[in-house]
Amino acid sequence: MGGPITSPQLLLLSAFGIVFVSSLASATDNTTQGFLTPGNSSTSQESCPGAALLDSSRSIFAAVDSLVGELSCKRKENGSQSEDSFVKVEQNIRRIVDSSIKVFSDLGTNLSGFDVLEQTGILDSLRVDDYSDPAFIRLWFSLKMTFLLPFVTDSFLFQLGNKNFSCSSFQELVKSLSEGLETSQTTERQQIYSNFIRVYLTRKDTAAPGCTENVAGIEEWLEKNIQSFLVFATLQDLKTMNRNFSGSDVLEKLSPQQRAELILDPDSGALDDADFVRVIIKNVTIPGNDEQLNQFFQMFSTLSKKVKTNINS
C-alpha cells in the first residue's frame, strides 16, 4: 500500500524494536517483582525501582549506538539512497536521544550515583576505528554528544582529550564543539579548551603531536584545531602546542591579553622593535575599544610584574 520500506525507515523501525523489546523485558521483570499481595503491599510502595530506570536508559542508548553505527555504514555503502532520506533518519534519532536524556535526567535526579554521561555510555560507544573516521565523529557528535554538553565535567573532557583521535577526527570534533557552543556560557567554553583541546594538542604520544601537519601556515592551524576557543589560550599554550607558532603571523586574531603577552615574549623581539610594538597595540587603541584597551593594560601590568620578579630572583 505504501510502497517498499526504505533503508532509513528500516533503521528507525529497528530502533523502536530494540527499545521496545528491552523495555518490555525490564517492565515484565519489575512487574513480577512488584505484584501487590497482602504480604508485600506496604514494602512495594516504599521506594521506586531506580535500578529499572537505569537498566532502561542503558538499553535505549545501546540501541541508539547500534542505529548510529548502522546509519554510518549504510551511508557509506548505499549509493542509491538519497541523502535527504538519511537526514530524516538523523532527525528522528536525535528526537529519541533528546527526549530520552530529558526523561532520564529528570527521573534519575534523586538516584544515588546517577550520571547522565555514564548512563549514555557516550565514550564507550566509540570503537577503535571510529577515532580515525571524521565522518563518524561528526555523526556521533550530532546525534549524541550535542545533547550531553550541559552535563560535561572536567574529568569527562580530560578523558576525551586522551582518546586516540586522528588529527582529522579531532578537528571535526573541535569544529562541532565550536559551532555547538556559539551561545554557551564562557565558563563552559573555557572548560572545553582547558580540559580537552589543550590536553590533546599538548600530548606527545599521538601520531601527529600538535596536529601541525597538512596545514598551510599558523592561521590555518588555528582555524582547524582551536577555532573560537582561541580567546582562552595563552601565548605560551600556543607555542607549546605548535613549536612553529608565531604571533606576528596571526596578529589580527590575537586577543588584547595575548598581544600583551606577545610584547613581553623574549622570542618575539618586540621590546627591541618600537614599530612592531605599535603594530601590536594598533587595534586595541582604536576609539570605542575601551574594554579591550583595559584588558590589554591589565595583562601587560600583570606580566611586567612577573618579569621583574623573575629578573630580581
C-alpha atoms as a PDB file:
ATOM      1  CA  MET A   1       0.000   0.000   0.000  1.00  0.00           C
ATOM      2  CA  GLY A   2       2.672   2.492   0.963  1.00  0.00           C
ATOM      3  CA  GLY A   3       5.457   1.068  -1.206  1.00  0.00           C
ATOM      4  CA  PRO A   4       8.576  -0.841  -0.104  1.00  0.00           C
ATOM      5  CA  ILE A   5      10.276   0.088   3.163  1.00  0.00           C
ATOM      6  CA  THR A   6      13.475   2.038   2.572  1.00  0.00           C
ATOM      7  CA  SER A   7      16.761   1.525   4.427  1.00  0.00           C
ATOM      8  CA  PRO A   8      16.355   4.679   6.574  1.00  0.00           C
ATOM      9  CA  GLN A   9      12.806   3.621   7.530  1.00  0.00           C
ATOM     10  CA  LEU A  10      14.100   0.173   8.416  1.00  0.00           C
ATOM     11  CA  LEU A  11      16.748   1.763  10.641  1.00  0.00           C
ATOM     12  CA  LEU A  12      14.147   3.736  12.539  1.00  0.00           C
ATOM     13  CA  LEU A  13      11.869   0.707  12.918  1.00  0.00           C
ATOM     14  CA  SER A  14      14.858  -1.213  14.276  1.00  0.00           C
ATOM     15  CA  ALA A  15      15.388   1.487  16.884  1.00  0.00           C
ATOM     16  CA  PHE A  16      11.859   1.244  18.202  1.00  0.00           C
ATOM     17  CA  GLY A  17      12.030  -2.535  18.046  1.00  0.00           C
ATOM     18  CA  ILE A  18      15.197  -2.742  20.130  1.00  0.00           C
ATOM     19  CA  VAL A  19      13.940  -0.194  22.640  1.00  0.00           C
ATOM     20  CA  PHE A  20      10.508  -1.875  22.866  1.00  0.00           C
ATOM     21  CA  VAL A  21      11.902  -5.360  23.482  1.00  0.00           C
ATOM     22  CA  SER A  22      14.410  -4.101  26.056  1.00  0.00           C
ATOM     23  CA  SER A  23      11.820  -2.039  27.878  1.00  0.00           C
ATOM     24  CA  LEU A  24       9.249  -4.859  27.765  1.00  0.00           C
ATOM     25  CA  ALA A  25      11.711  -7.289  29.309  1.00  0.00           C
ATOM     26  CA  SER A  26      12.577  -4.802  32.027  1.00  0.00           C
ATOM     27  CA  ALA A  27       8.925  -3.994  32.685  1.00  0.00           C
ATOM     28  CA  THR A  28       7.968  -7.683  32.860  1.00  0.00           C
ATOM     29  CA  ASP A  29      10.688  -8.377  35.370  1.00  0.00           C
ATOM     30  CA  ASN A  30       9.733  -5.426  37.518  1.00  0.00           C
ATOM     31  CA  THR A  31       6.029  -6.220  37.338  1.00  0.00           C
ATOM     32  CA  THR A  32       6.688  -9.765  38.512  1.00  0.00           C
ATOM     33  CA  GLN A  33       8.609  -8.430  41.454  1.00  0.00           C
ATOM     34  CA  GLY A  34       6.073  -5.745  42.202  1.00  0.00           C
ATOM     35  CA  PHE A  35       2.717  -7.622  42.356  1.00  0.00           C
ATOM     36  CA  LEU A  36       0.778  -6.363  45.352  1.00  0.00           C
ATOM     37  CA  THR A  37      -0.035  -9.082  47.831  1.00  0.00           C
ATOM     38  CA  PRO A  38      -1.112  -8.853  51.463  1.00  0.00           C
ATOM     39  CA  GLY A  39       2.442  -9.640  52.431  1.00  0.00           C
ATOM     40  CA  ASN A  40       4.253  -7.076  50.310  1.00  0.00           C
ATOM     41  CA  SER A  41       1.788  -4.263  49.695  1.00  0.00           C
ATOM     42  CA  SER A  42       3.448  -1.922  52.173  1.00  0.00           C
ATOM     43  CA  THR A  43       7.061  -2.533  51.150  1.00  0.00           C
ATOM     44  CA  SER A  44       6.356  -2.217  47.433  1.00  0.00           C
ATOM     45  CA  GLN A  45       5.286   1.388  47.917  1.00  0.00           C
ATOM     46  CA  GLU A  46       8.308   2.451  49.966  1.00  0.00           C
ATOM     47  CA  SER A  47      10.515   3.379  47.002  1.00  0.00           C
ATOM     48  CA  CYS A  48      10.552   3.495  43.204  1.00  0.00           C
ATOM     49  CA  PRO A  49      12.583   0.810  41.387  1.00  0.00           C
ATOM     50  CA  GLY A  50      15.577   3.008  40.473  1.00  0.00           C
ATOM     51  CA  ALA A  51      17.508   0.049  39.108  1.00  0.00           C
ATOM     52  CA  ALA A  52      14.822  -0.452  36.465  1.00  0.00           C
ATOM     53  CA  LEU A  53      15.236   3.158  35.338  1.00  0.00           C
ATOM     54  CA  LEU A  54      18.994   2.713  34.959  1.00  0.00           C
ATOM     55  CA  ASP A  55      18.554  -0.548  33.042  1.00  0.00           C
ATOM     56  CA  SER A  56      16.003   1.039  30.723  1.00  0.00           C
ATOM     57  CA  SER A  57      18.245   4.003  29.970  1.00  0.00           C
ATOM     58  CA  ARG A  58      21.187   1.748  29.168  1.00  0.00           C
ATOM     59  CA  SER A  59      19.002  -0.330  26.830  1.00  0.00           C
ATOM     60  CA  ILE A  60      17.773   2.713  24.929  1.00  0.00           C
ATOM     61  CA  PHE A  61      21.209   4.244  24.483  1.00  0.00           C
ATOM     62  CA  ALA A  62      22.698   0.898  23.492  1.00  0.00           C
ATOM     63  CA  ALA A  63      20.011   0.706  20.817  1.00  0.00           C
ATOM     64  CA  VAL A  64      20.892   4.214  19.679  1.00  0.00           C
ATOM     65  CA  ASP A  65      24.560   3.205  19.403  1.00  0.00           C
ATOM     66  CA  SER A  66      23.567   0.323  17.149  1.00  0.00           C
ATOM     67  CA  LEU A  67      21.499   2.650  14.992  1.00  0.00           C
ATOM     68  CA  VAL A  68      24.244   5.245  14.664  1.00  0.00           C
ATOM     69  CA  GLY A  69      26.695   2.544  13.601  1.00  0.00           C
ATOM     70  CA  GLU A  70      24.233   1.115  11.083  1.00  0.00           C
ATOM     71  CA  LEU A  71      23.400   4.552   9.712  1.00  0.00           C
ATOM     72  CA  SER A  72      27.086   5.351   9.266  1.00  0.00           C
ATOM     73  CA  CYS A  73      27.644   2.044   7.472  1.00  0.00           C
ATOM     74  CA  LYS A  74      24.663   2.359   5.125  1.00  0.00           C
ATOM     75  CA  ARG A  75      25.525   5.934   4.253  1.00  0.00           C
ATOM     76  CA  LYS A  76      28.958   4.783   3.074  1.00  0.00           C
ATOM     77  CA  GLU A  77      27.736   1.730   1.169  1.00  0.00           C
ATOM     78  CA  ASN A  78      24.316   2.676  -0.217  1.00  0.00           C
ATOM     79  CA  GLY A  79      24.854   4.906  -3.228  1.00  0.00           C
ATOM     80  CA  SER A  80      21.250   4.572  -4.399  1.00  0.00           C
ATOM     81  CA  GLN A  81      19.717   6.102  -1.258  1.00  0.00           C
ATOM     82  CA  SER A  82      19.202   9.863  -1.233  1.00  0.00           C
ATOM     83  CA  GLU A  83      20.993  11.972   1.335  1.00  0.00           C
ATOM     84  CA  ASP A  84      17.676  13.571   2.310  1.00  0.00           C
ATOM     85  CA  SER A  85      16.334  10.235   3.497  1.00  0.00           C
ATOM     86  CA  PHE A  86      19.378   9.718   5.713  1.00  0.00           C
ATOM     87  CA  VAL A  87      18.990  13.230   7.102  1.00  0.00           C
ATOM     88  CA  LYS A  88      15.435  12.353   8.123  1.00  0.00           C
ATOM     89  CA  VAL A  89      16.725   9.301   9.969  1.00  0.00           C
ATOM     90  CA  GLU A  90      19.262  11.502  11.768  1.00  0.00           C
ATOM     91  CA  GLN A  91      16.489  13.868  12.812  1.00  0.00           C
ATOM     92  CA  ASN A  92      14.402  11.006  14.192  1.00  0.00           C
ATOM     93  CA  ILE A  93      17.341   9.556  16.128  1.00  0.00           C
ATOM     94  CA  ARG A  94      18.010  12.999  17.585  1.00  0.00           C
ATOM     95  CA  ARG A  95      14.438  13.128  18.861  1.00  0.00           C
ATOM     96  CA  ILE A  96      14.880   9.750  20.566  1.00  0.00           C
ATOM     97  CA  VAL A  97      18.157  10.810  22.204  1.00  0.00           C
ATOM     98  CA  ASP A  98      16.982  14.277  23.202  1.00  0.00           C
ATOM     99  CA  SER A  99      13.717  13.113  24.780  1.00  0.00           C
ATOM    100  CA  SER A 100      15.372  10.099  26.456  1.00  0.00           C
ATOM    101  CA  ILE A 101      18.072  12.231  28.077  1.00  0.00           C
ATOM    102  CA  LYS A 102      15.472  14.702  29.334  1.00  0.00           C
ATOM    103  CA  VAL A 103      13.282  11.952  30.790  1.00  0.00           C
ATOM    104  CA  PHE A 104      16.085  10.033  32.474  1.00  0.00           C
ATOM    105  CA  SER A 105      17.858  13.118  33.817  1.00  0.00           C
ATOM    106  CA  ASP A 106      14.551  14.294  35.358  1.00  0.00           C
ATOM    107  CA  LEU A 107      13.542  10.916  36.793  1.00  0.00           C
ATOM    108  CA  GLY A 108      17.035   9.984  37.898  1.00  0.00           C
ATOM    109  CA  THR A 109      17.792  13.181  39.804  1.00  0.00           C
ATOM    110  CA  ASN A 110      17.407  11.520  43.205  1.00  0.00           C
ATOM    111  CA  LEU A 111      19.120   8.240  42.346  1.00  0.00           C
ATOM    112  CA  SER A 112      22.403   7.644  44.125  1.00  0.00           C
ATOM    113  CA  GLY A 113      25.306   7.727  41.685  1.00  0.00           C
ATOM    114  CA  PHE A 114      23.136   8.650  38.705  1.00  0.00           C
ATOM    115  CA  ASP A 115      25.350  10.095  35.970  1.00  0.00           C
ATOM    116  CA  VAL A 116      23.844  11.000  32.609  1.00  0.00           C
ATOM    117  CA  LEU A 117      27.193  10.702  30.813  1.00  0.00           C
ATOM    118  CA  GLU A 118      27.808   7.270  32.278  1.00  0.00           C
ATOM    119  CA  GLN A 119      24.271   6.085  31.559  1.00  0.00           C
ATOM    120  CA  THR A 120      24.503   7.008  27.900  1.00  0.00           C
ATOM    121  CA  GLY A 121      27.877   5.258  27.574  1.00  0.00           C
ATOM    122  CA  ILE A 122      28.964   8.135  25.366  1.00  0.00           C
ATOM    123  CA  LEU A 123      32.700   7.330  25.431  1.00  0.00           C
ATOM    124  CA  ASP A 124      32.203   3.567  25.377  1.00  0.00           C
ATOM    125  CA  SER A 125      30.196   3.923  22.169  1.00  0.00           C
ATOM    126  CA  LEU A 126      33.375   4.877  20.284  1.00  0.00           C
ATOM    127  CA  ARG A 127      35.239   1.939  18.755  1.00  0.00           C
ATOM    128  CA  VAL A 128      38.931   1.978  17.872  1.00  0.00           C
ATOM    129  CA  ASP A 129      38.210   2.508  14.151  1.00  0.00           C
ATOM    130  CA  ASP A 130      35.919   5.459  14.922  1.00  0.00           C
ATOM    131  CA  TYR A 131      38.801   7.575  16.210  1.00  0.00           C
ATOM    132  CA  SER A 132      40.156   7.846  12.670  1.00  0.00           C
ATOM    133  CA  ASP A 133      36.804   8.431  10.983  1.00  0.00           C
ATOM    134  CA  PRO A 134      35.898  12.160  10.870  1.00  0.00           C
ATOM    135  CA  ALA A 135      32.533  11.418   9.226  1.00  0.00           C
ATOM    136  CA  PHE A 136      31.550   9.107  12.068  1.00  0.00           C
ATOM    137  CA  ILE A 137      32.756  11.602  14.682  1.00  0.00           C
ATOM    138  CA  ARG A 138      30.536  14.247  13.098  1.00  0.00           C
ATOM    139  CA  LEU A 139      27.584  11.846  13.264  1.00  0.00           C
ATOM    140  CA  TRP A 140      28.423  10.790  16.833  1.00  0.00           C
ATOM    141  CA  PHE A 141      28.541  14.410  17.972  1.00  0.00           C
ATOM    142  CA  SER A 142      25.405  15.430  16.080  1.00  0.00           C
ATOM    143  CA  LEU A 143      23.258  12.525  17.275  1.00  0.00           C
ATOM    144  CA  LYS A 144      24.511  12.069  20.830  1.00  0.00           C
ATOM    145  CA  MET A 145      27.169  14.421  22.156  1.00  0.00           C
ATOM    146  CA  THR A 146      25.368  17.644  21.335  1.00  0.00           C
ATOM    147  CA  PHE A 147      22.601  16.795  23.828  1.00  0.00           C
ATOM    148  CA  LEU A 148      25.101  15.946  26.550  1.00  0.00           C
ATOM    149  CA  LEU A 149      27.087  19.203  26.523  1.00  0.00           C
ATOM    150  CA  PRO A 150      25.200  20.588  29.563  1.00  0.00           C
ATOM    151  CA  PHE A 151      26.392  17.566  31.576  1.00  0.00           C
ATOM    152  CA  VAL A 152      30.105  17.515  30.679  1.00  0.00           C
ATOM    153  CA  THR A 153      32.630  17.683  33.503  1.00  0.00           C
ATOM    154  CA  ASP A 154      36.340  18.449  33.640  1.00  0.00           C
ATOM    155  CA  SER A 155      37.015  14.752  34.175  1.00  0.00           C
ATOM    156  CA  PHE A 156      34.969  13.726  31.139  1.00  0.00           C
ATOM    157  CA  LEU A 157      36.685  16.294  28.909  1.00  0.00           C
ATOM    158  CA  PHE A 158      40.109  15.170  30.143  1.00  0.00           C
ATOM    159  CA  GLN A 159      39.246  11.581  29.201  1.00  0.00           C
ATOM    160  CA  LEU A 160      38.082  12.805  25.800  1.00  0.00           C
ATOM    161  CA  GLY A 161      41.354  14.677  25.280  1.00  0.00           C
ATOM    162  CA  ASN A 162      43.305  11.494  25.950  1.00  0.00           C
ATOM    163  CA  LYS A 163      41.441   9.393  23.386  1.00  0.00           C
ATOM    164  CA  ASN A 164      43.422   8.375  20.296  1.00  0.00           C
ATOM    165  CA  PHE A 165      41.684  10.588  17.759  1.00  0.00           C
ATOM    166  CA  SER A 166      43.393  11.186  14.459  1.00  0.00           C
ATOM    167  CA  CYS A 167      44.008  14.877  13.772  1.00  0.00           C
ATOM    168  CA  SER A 168      41.200  14.996  11.211  1.00  0.00           C
ATOM    169  CA  SER A 169      38.738  13.479  13.710  1.00  0.00           C
ATOM    170  CA  PHE A 170      39.923  15.797  16.482  1.00  0.00           C
ATOM    171  CA  GLN A 171      39.485  18.778  14.162  1.00  0.00           C
ATOM    172  CA  GLU A 172      35.963  17.635  13.269  1.00  0.00           C
ATOM    173  CA  LEU A 173      35.135  17.448  16.961  1.00  0.00           C
ATOM    174  CA  VAL A 174      36.579  20.918  17.658  1.00  0.00           C
ATOM    175  CA  LYS A 175      34.541  22.306  14.762  1.00  0.00           C
ATOM    176  CA  SER A 176      31.359  20.700  16.092  1.00  0.00           C
ATOM    177  CA  LEU A 177      32.034  21.981  19.604  1.00  0.00           C
ATOM    178  CA  SER A 178      32.762  25.484  18.348  1.00  0.00           C
ATOM    179  CA  GLU A 179      29.510  25.573  16.380  1.00  0.00           C
ATOM    180  CA  GLY A 180      27.506  23.926  19.151  1.00  0.00           C
ATOM    181  CA  LEU A 181      28.704  26.327  21.833  1.00  0.00           C
ATOM    182  CA  GLU A 182      28.385  29.626  19.987  1.00  0.00           C
ATOM    183  CA  THR A 183      25.887  30.948  22.547  1.00  0.00           C
ATOM    184  CA  SER A 184      27.232  28.980  25.516  1.00  0.00           C
ATOM    185  CA  GLN A 185      28.488  30.485  28.742  1.00  0.00           C
ATOM    186  CA  THR A 186      32.140  31.486  28.888  1.00  0.00           C
ATOM    187  CA  THR A 187      32.892  29.065  31.737  1.00  0.00           C
ATOM    188  CA  GLU A 188      31.715  26.083  29.661  1.00  0.00           C
ATOM    189  CA  ARG A 189      33.823  27.146  26.696  1.00  0.00           C
ATOM    190  CA  GLN A 190      36.826  27.628  28.980  1.00  0.00           C
ATOM    191  CA  GLN A 191      36.271  24.068  30.240  1.00  0.00           C
ATOM    192  CA  ILE A 192      36.303  22.703  26.708  1.00  0.00           C
ATOM    193  CA  TYR A 193      39.535  24.488  25.846  1.00  0.00           C
ATOM    194  CA  SER A 194      41.445  23.739  29.062  1.00  0.00           C
ATOM    195  CA  ASN A 195      40.440  20.115  29.557  1.00  0.00           C
ATOM    196  CA  PHE A 196      40.023  18.859  26.009  1.00  0.00           C
ATOM    197  CA  ILE A 197      41.661  20.977  23.294  1.00  0.00           C
ATOM    198  CA  ARG A 198      44.795  21.946  25.227  1.00  0.00           C
ATOM    199  CA  VAL A 199      45.136  18.445  26.665  1.00  0.00           C
ATOM    200  CA  TYR A 200      45.008  16.806  23.224  1.00  0.00           C
ATOM    201  CA  LEU A 201      47.245  19.293  21.401  1.00  0.00           C
ATOM    202  CA  THR A 202      49.979  19.201  24.057  1.00  0.00           C
ATOM    203  CA  ARG A 203      50.205  15.406  24.088  1.00  0.00           C
ATOM    204  CA  LYS A 204      53.425  13.910  22.748  1.00  0.00           C
ATOM    205  CA  ASP A 205      52.088  10.374  22.290  1.00  0.00           C
ATOM    206  CA  THR A 206      49.745  10.994  19.349  1.00  0.00           C
ATOM    207  CA  ALA A 207      50.509  10.090  15.744  1.00  0.00           C
ATOM    208  CA  ALA A 208      50.975  13.783  14.884  1.00  0.00           C
ATOM    209  CA  PRO A 209      51.603  15.830  18.053  1.00  0.00           C
ATOM    210  CA  GLY A 210      50.010  19.275  17.865  1.00  0.00           C
ATOM    211  CA  CYS A 211      48.335  18.433  14.547  1.00  0.00           C
ATOM    212  CA  THR A 212      50.787  20.716  12.761  1.00  0.00           C
ATOM    213  CA  GLU A 213      50.977  18.631   9.588  1.00  0.00           C
ATOM    214  CA  ASN A 214      48.948  19.296   6.438  1.00  0.00           C
ATOM    215  CA  VAL A 215      48.251  22.929   7.323  1.00  0.00           C
ATOM    216  CA  ALA A 216      49.282  25.957   5.273  1.00  0.00           C
ATOM    217  CA  GLY A 217      50.611  28.208   7.999  1.00  0.00           C
ATOM    218  CA  ILE A 218      49.674  29.274  11.521  1.00  0.00           C
ATOM    219  CA  GLU A 219      46.309  30.804  10.588  1.00  0.00           C
ATOM    220  CA  GLU A 220      45.029  27.549   9.101  1.00  0.00           C
ATOM    221  CA  TRP A 221      46.395  25.633  12.091  1.00  0.00           C
ATOM    222  CA  LEU A 222      44.374  27.848  14.446  1.00  0.00           C
ATOM    223  CA  GLU A 223      41.259  27.533  12.295  1.00  0.00           C
ATOM    224  CA  LYS A 224      41.427  23.754  12.174  1.00  0.00           C
ATOM    225  CA  ASN A 225      42.495  22.990  15.729  1.00  0.00           C
ATOM    226  CA  ILE A 226      41.324  25.767  18.048  1.00  0.00           C
ATOM    227  CA  GLN A 227      38.682  27.831  16.232  1.00  0.00           C
ATOM    228  CA  SER A 228      36.595  30.063  18.510  1.00  0.00           C
ATOM    229  CA  PHE A 229      38.366  28.754  21.625  1.00  0.00           C
ATOM    230  CA  LEU A 230      41.484  30.786  20.755  1.00  0.00           C
ATOM    231  CA  VAL A 231      40.486  33.525  23.179  1.00  0.00           C
ATOM    232  CA  PHE A 232      41.149  31.170  26.120  1.00  0.00           C
ATOM    233  CA  ALA A 233      44.684  30.223  25.077  1.00  0.00           C
ATOM    234  CA  THR A 234      47.772  31.895  26.451  1.00  0.00           C
ATOM    235  CA  LEU A 235      50.654  32.672  24.126  1.00  0.00           C
ATOM    236  CA  GLN A 236      52.716  30.045  25.933  1.00  0.00           C
ATOM    237  CA  ASP A 237      49.950  27.483  25.330  1.00  0.00           C
ATOM    238  CA  LEU A 238      50.092  28.169  21.606  1.00  0.00           C
ATOM    239  CA  LYS A 239      53.872  27.901  21.496  1.00  0.00           C
ATOM    240  CA  THR A 240      53.741  24.615  23.409  1.00  0.00           C
ATOM    241  CA  MET A 241      51.114  23.155  21.074  1.00  0.00           C
ATOM    242  CA  ASN A 242      52.920  24.315  17.937  1.00  0.00           C
ATOM    243  CA  ARG A 243      56.636  24.944  18.186  1.00  0.00           C
ATOM    244  CA  ASN A 244      56.451  26.966  14.944  1.00  0.00           C
ATOM    245  CA  PHE A 245      53.803  29.314  16.290  1.00  0.00           C
ATOM    246  CA  SER A 246      54.443  32.981  15.553  1.00  0.00           C
ATOM    247  CA  GLY A 247      52.122  35.623  16.971  1.00  0.00           C
ATOM    248  CA  SER A 248      53.172  38.123  14.328  1.00  0.00           C
ATOM    249  CA  ASP A 249      51.706  35.856  11.624  1.00  0.00           C
ATOM    250  CA  VAL A 250      48.208  35.983  13.147  1.00  0.00           C
ATOM    251  CA  LEU A 251      48.271  39.309  14.949  1.00  0.00           C
ATOM    252  CA  GLU A 252      44.726  40.202  13.914  1.00  0.00           C
ATOM    253  CA  LYS A 253      43.378  37.058  15.572  1.00  0.00           C
ATOM    254  CA  LEU A 254      45.044  37.630  18.951  1.00  0.00           C
ATOM    255  CA  SER A 255      43.105  38.918  21.947  1.00  0.00           C
ATOM    256  CA  PRO A 256      44.281  42.002  23.881  1.00  0.00           C
ATOM    257  CA  GLN A 257      45.727  39.737  26.567  1.00  0.00           C
ATOM    258  CA  GLN A 258      47.619  37.673  24.002  1.00  0.00           C
ATOM    259  CA  ARG A 259      49.029  40.842  22.433  1.00  0.00           C
ATOM    260  CA  ALA A 260      50.301  41.936  25.827  1.00  0.00           C
ATOM    261  CA  GLU A 261      51.996  38.574  26.189  1.00  0.00           C
ATOM    262  CA  LEU A 262      53.499  38.925  22.720  1.00  0.00           C
ATOM    263  CA  ILE A 263      55.142  42.270  23.547  1.00  0.00           C
ATOM    264  CA  LEU A 264      56.840  40.795  26.616  1.00  0.00           C
ATOM    265  CA  ASP A 265      57.739  37.495  24.955  1.00  0.00           C
ATOM    266  CA  PRO A 266      61.554  37.404  24.502  1.00  0.00           C
ATOM    267  CA  ASP A 267      61.155  35.325  21.337  1.00  0.00           C
ATOM    268  CA  SER A 268      59.041  37.987  19.598  1.00  0.00           C
ATOM    269  CA  GLY A 269      61.749  40.654  19.695  1.00  0.00           C
ATOM    270  CA  ALA A 270      59.039  43.277  20.274  1.00  0.00           C
ATOM    271  CA  LEU A 271      60.851  45.058  23.098  1.00  0.00           C
ATOM    272  CA  ASP A 272      63.667  45.915  20.691  1.00  0.00           C
ATOM    273  CA  ASP A 273      61.358  46.987  17.864  1.00  0.00           C
ATOM    274  CA  ALA A 274      59.216  50.066  18.522  1.00  0.00           C
ATOM    275  CA  ASP A 275      57.464  49.797  15.147  1.00  0.00           C
ATOM    276  CA  PHE A 276      56.392  46.229  15.910  1.00  0.00           C
ATOM    277  CA  VAL A 277      55.014  47.317  19.301  1.00  0.00           C
ATOM    278  CA  ARG A 278      52.922  49.990  17.569  1.00  0.00           C
ATOM    279  CA  VAL A 279      51.505  47.389  15.194  1.00  0.00           C
ATOM    280  CA  ILE A 280      50.701  45.028  18.082  1.00  0.00           C
ATOM    281  CA  ILE A 281      48.686  47.583  20.042  1.00  0.00           C
ATOM    282  CA  LYS A 282      47.157  49.302  16.998  1.00  0.00           C
ATOM    283  CA  ASN A 283      43.716  47.686  17.216  1.00  0.00           C
ATOM    284  CA  VAL A 284      43.343  47.980  20.979  1.00  0.00           C
ATOM    285  CA  THR A 285      43.838  51.753  20.832  1.00  0.00           C
ATOM    286  CA  ILE A 286      41.077  52.363  18.294  1.00  0.00           C
ATOM    287  CA  PRO A 287      38.438  54.755  19.747  1.00  0.00           C
ATOM    288  CA  GLY A 288      35.494  52.814  21.174  1.00  0.00           C
ATOM    289  CA  ASN A 289      37.587  49.806  22.200  1.00  0.00           C
ATOM    290  CA  ASP A 290      37.904  50.930  25.815  1.00  0.00           C
ATOM    291  CA  GLU A 291      37.251  47.439  27.191  1.00  0.00           C
ATOM    292  CA  GLN A 292      39.928  45.874  25.006  1.00  0.00           C
ATOM    293  CA  LEU A 293      42.375  48.597  25.948  1.00  0.00           C
ATOM    294  CA  ASN A 294      41.655  47.945  29.621  1.00  0.00           C
ATOM    295  CA  GLN A 295      42.199  44.200  29.166  1.00  0.00           C
ATOM    296  CA  PHE A 296      45.460  44.848  27.348  1.00  0.00           C
ATOM    297  CA  PHE A 297      46.951  47.082  30.048  1.00  0.00           C
ATOM    298  CA  GLN A 298      45.764  44.836  32.869  1.00  0.00           C
ATOM    299  CA  MET A 299      47.551  41.866  31.345  1.00  0.00           C
ATOM    300  CA  PHE A 300      50.598  43.950  30.429  1.00  0.00           C
ATOM    301  CA  SER A 301      50.860  45.205  34.023  1.00  0.00           C
ATOM    302  CA  THR A 302      50.496  41.706  35.475  1.00  0.00           C
ATOM    303  CA  LEU A 303      53.070  40.184  33.142  1.00  0.00           C
ATOM    304  CA  SER A 304      55.518  43.074  33.643  1.00  0.00           C
ATOM    305  CA  LYS A 305      55.487  42.458  37.395  1.00  0.00           C
ATOM    306  CA  LYS A 306      56.184  38.766  36.838  1.00  0.00           C
ATOM    307  CA  VAL A 307      59.094  39.576  34.520  1.00  0.00           C
ATOM    308  CA  LYS A 308      60.630  41.953  37.093  1.00  0.00           C
ATOM    309  CA  THR A 309      60.196  39.352  39.820  1.00  0.00           C
ATOM    310  CA  ASN A 310      61.963  36.714  37.728  1.00  0.00           C
ATOM    311  CA  ILE A 311      64.812  39.110  36.914  1.00  0.00           C
ATOM    312  CA  ASN A 312      65.329  40.036  40.574  1.00  0.00           C
ATOM    313  CA  SER A 313      65.080  36.464  41.874  1.00  0.00           C
END
